[in-house]
Protein backbone atom coordinates (compact mmCIF):
# COMPACT_ATOMS: atom_id res chain seq x y z
CA UNK A 1 -3.20 16.60 4.20
CA UNK A 2 -2.78 19.03 1.34
CA UNK A 3 0.91 18.37 0.69
CA UNK A 4 0.86 14.57 1.11
CA UNK A 5 1.74 12.78 -2.13
CA UNK A 6 -0.56 9.82 -1.46
CA UNK A 7 -3.47 12.05 -0.37
CA UNK A 8 -3.11 13.90 -3.67
CA UNK A 9 -3.05 10.59 -5.59
CA UNK A 10 -6.21 9.45 -3.76
CA UNK A 11 -7.92 12.76 -4.66
CA UNK A 12 -6.96 12.30 -8.32
CA UNK A 13 -4.70 15.36 -8.37
CA UNK A 14 -1.72 13.19 -9.36
CA UNK A 15 -2.20 10.33 -11.84
CA UNK A 16 -1.66 6.73 -10.79
CA UNK A 17 -2.21 3.26 -12.20
CA UNK A 18 -5.15 2.27 -10.01
CA UNK A 19 -5.49 -1.43 -9.23
CA UNK A 20 -8.27 -1.39 -6.63
CA UNK A 21 -10.39 1.09 -4.71
CA UNK A 22 -13.17 0.91 -2.18
CA UNK A 23 -14.62 3.26 0.42
CA UNK A 24 -11.59 2.90 2.71
CA UNK A 25 -8.49 2.14 0.64
CA UNK A 26 -6.86 3.03 -2.65
CA UNK A 27 -4.33 0.72 -4.33
CA UNK A 28 -2.03 1.60 -7.21
CA UNK A 29 1.08 0.30 -8.94
CA UNK A 30 4.41 1.40 -7.50
CA UNK A 31 6.34 3.64 -9.92
CA UNK A 32 9.60 1.83 -9.03
CA UNK A 33 8.58 -1.83 -8.87
CA UNK A 34 10.92 -4.42 -7.37
CA UNK A 35 8.97 -7.36 -8.79
CA UNK A 36 6.50 -8.02 -11.63
CA UNK A 37 3.68 -7.15 -9.21
CA UNK A 38 4.30 -4.24 -6.86
CA UNK A 39 1.22 -2.43 -5.63
CA UNK A 40 0.83 0.09 -2.81
CA UNK A 41 -2.29 -0.14 -0.65
CA UNK A 42 -3.06 3.04 1.31
CA UNK A 43 -5.88 4.06 3.61
CA UNK A 44 -7.94 6.98 2.34
CA UNK A 45 -7.62 8.48 5.82
CA UNK A 46 -4.25 10.16 6.27
CA UNK A 47 -2.21 8.26 8.85
CA UNK A 48 1.50 9.07 8.75
CA UNK A 49 2.87 5.66 9.81
CA UNK A 50 2.22 2.57 11.92
CA UNK A 51 3.29 4.65 14.91
CA UNK A 52 0.30 6.93 14.35
CA UNK A 53 -2.32 4.20 14.65
CA UNK A 54 -4.55 4.67 17.68
CA UNK A 55 -7.98 3.75 19.03
CA UNK A 56 -9.60 6.31 16.72
CA UNK A 57 -8.16 4.98 13.46
CA UNK A 58 -7.10 1.36 14.08
CA UNK A 59 -10.10 0.01 12.13
CA UNK A 60 -8.26 1.13 8.98
CA UNK A 61 -5.93 -1.85 9.41
CA UNK A 62 -8.81 -4.27 8.82
CA UNK A 63 -9.83 -2.41 5.67
CA UNK A 64 -6.24 -2.33 4.43
CA UNK A 65 -5.87 -6.08 4.87
CA UNK A 66 -9.14 -6.71 3.04
CA UNK A 67 -7.85 -4.43 0.29
CA UNK A 68 -4.61 -6.40 0.13
CA UNK A 69 -6.61 -9.58 -0.43
CA UNK A 70 -8.51 -7.91 -3.27
CA UNK A 71 -5.30 -6.61 -4.85
CA UNK A 72 -3.80 -10.11 -4.76
CA UNK A 73 -6.88 -11.47 -6.55
CA UNK A 74 -6.95 -8.68 -9.15
CA UNK A 75 -3.24 -9.13 -9.85
CA UNK A 76 -3.52 -12.93 -9.98
CA UNK A 77 -1.08 -13.68 -7.18
CA UNK A 78 -3.49 -14.83 -4.47
CA UNK A 79 -2.81 -18.53 -5.13
CA UNK A 80 0.92 -18.36 -5.88
CA UNK A 81 1.76 -16.15 -2.91
CA UNK A 82 2.94 -12.63 -2.24
CA UNK A 83 4.82 -10.54 0.28
CA UNK A 84 3.39 -7.61 2.25
CA UNK A 85 5.81 -4.99 3.57
CA UNK A 86 5.31 -1.90 5.71
CA UNK A 87 8.18 0.50 6.28
CA UNK A 88 7.82 2.54 9.47
CA UNK A 89 10.00 5.60 9.81
CA UNK A 90 12.94 7.07 7.98
CA UNK A 91 15.50 4.46 9.06
CA UNK A 92 13.22 1.70 7.74
CA UNK A 93 13.06 3.36 4.34
CA UNK A 94 9.69 5.08 4.60
CA UNK A 95 9.88 7.98 2.14
CA UNK A 96 6.21 8.98 1.96
CA UNK A 97 4.71 9.60 5.38
CA UNK A 98 1.26 8.22 4.66
CA UNK A 99 0.80 4.66 5.91
CA UNK A 100 1.14 2.26 2.98
CA UNK A 101 1.60 -1.43 2.43
CA UNK A 102 3.68 -2.85 -0.41
CA UNK A 103 2.14 -5.94 -2.02
CA UNK A 104 4.89 -7.67 -3.97
CA UNK A 105 4.67 -10.85 -6.04
CA UNK A 106 4.64 -12.46 -9.43
CA UNK A 107 8.05 -14.02 -8.82
CA UNK A 108 9.53 -16.48 -6.34
CA UNK A 109 10.64 -14.33 -3.41
CA UNK A 110 14.01 -14.31 -1.75
CA UNK A 111 15.36 -12.13 1.01
CA UNK A 112 16.93 -9.73 -1.51
CA UNK A 113 13.59 -8.31 -2.67
CA UNK A 114 12.74 -5.48 -0.29
């Protein structure tokens, strides 16, 4: 999508602090982190939200989860633990309508972080 913020980041039109990239996903640091590690993992295919997953694009979920594992290793939080969050829809706090997973860690989590 031409006007999607995350699609433009993936294309390199908008700068980002890339953490990980493969054929299917792009991961970059959140510009408003809530913890020492806060990375967004997004599929390179535009999918607006969890509600837009279907038989034709569901395989992206596997690639996203593999990407999350790689991000945790790159950021050094794979052994200590991390939280993965997906906001779905406006009432849940989704502000960019391109499916994305928040990988948050580097600190002991409590229910007040996201």
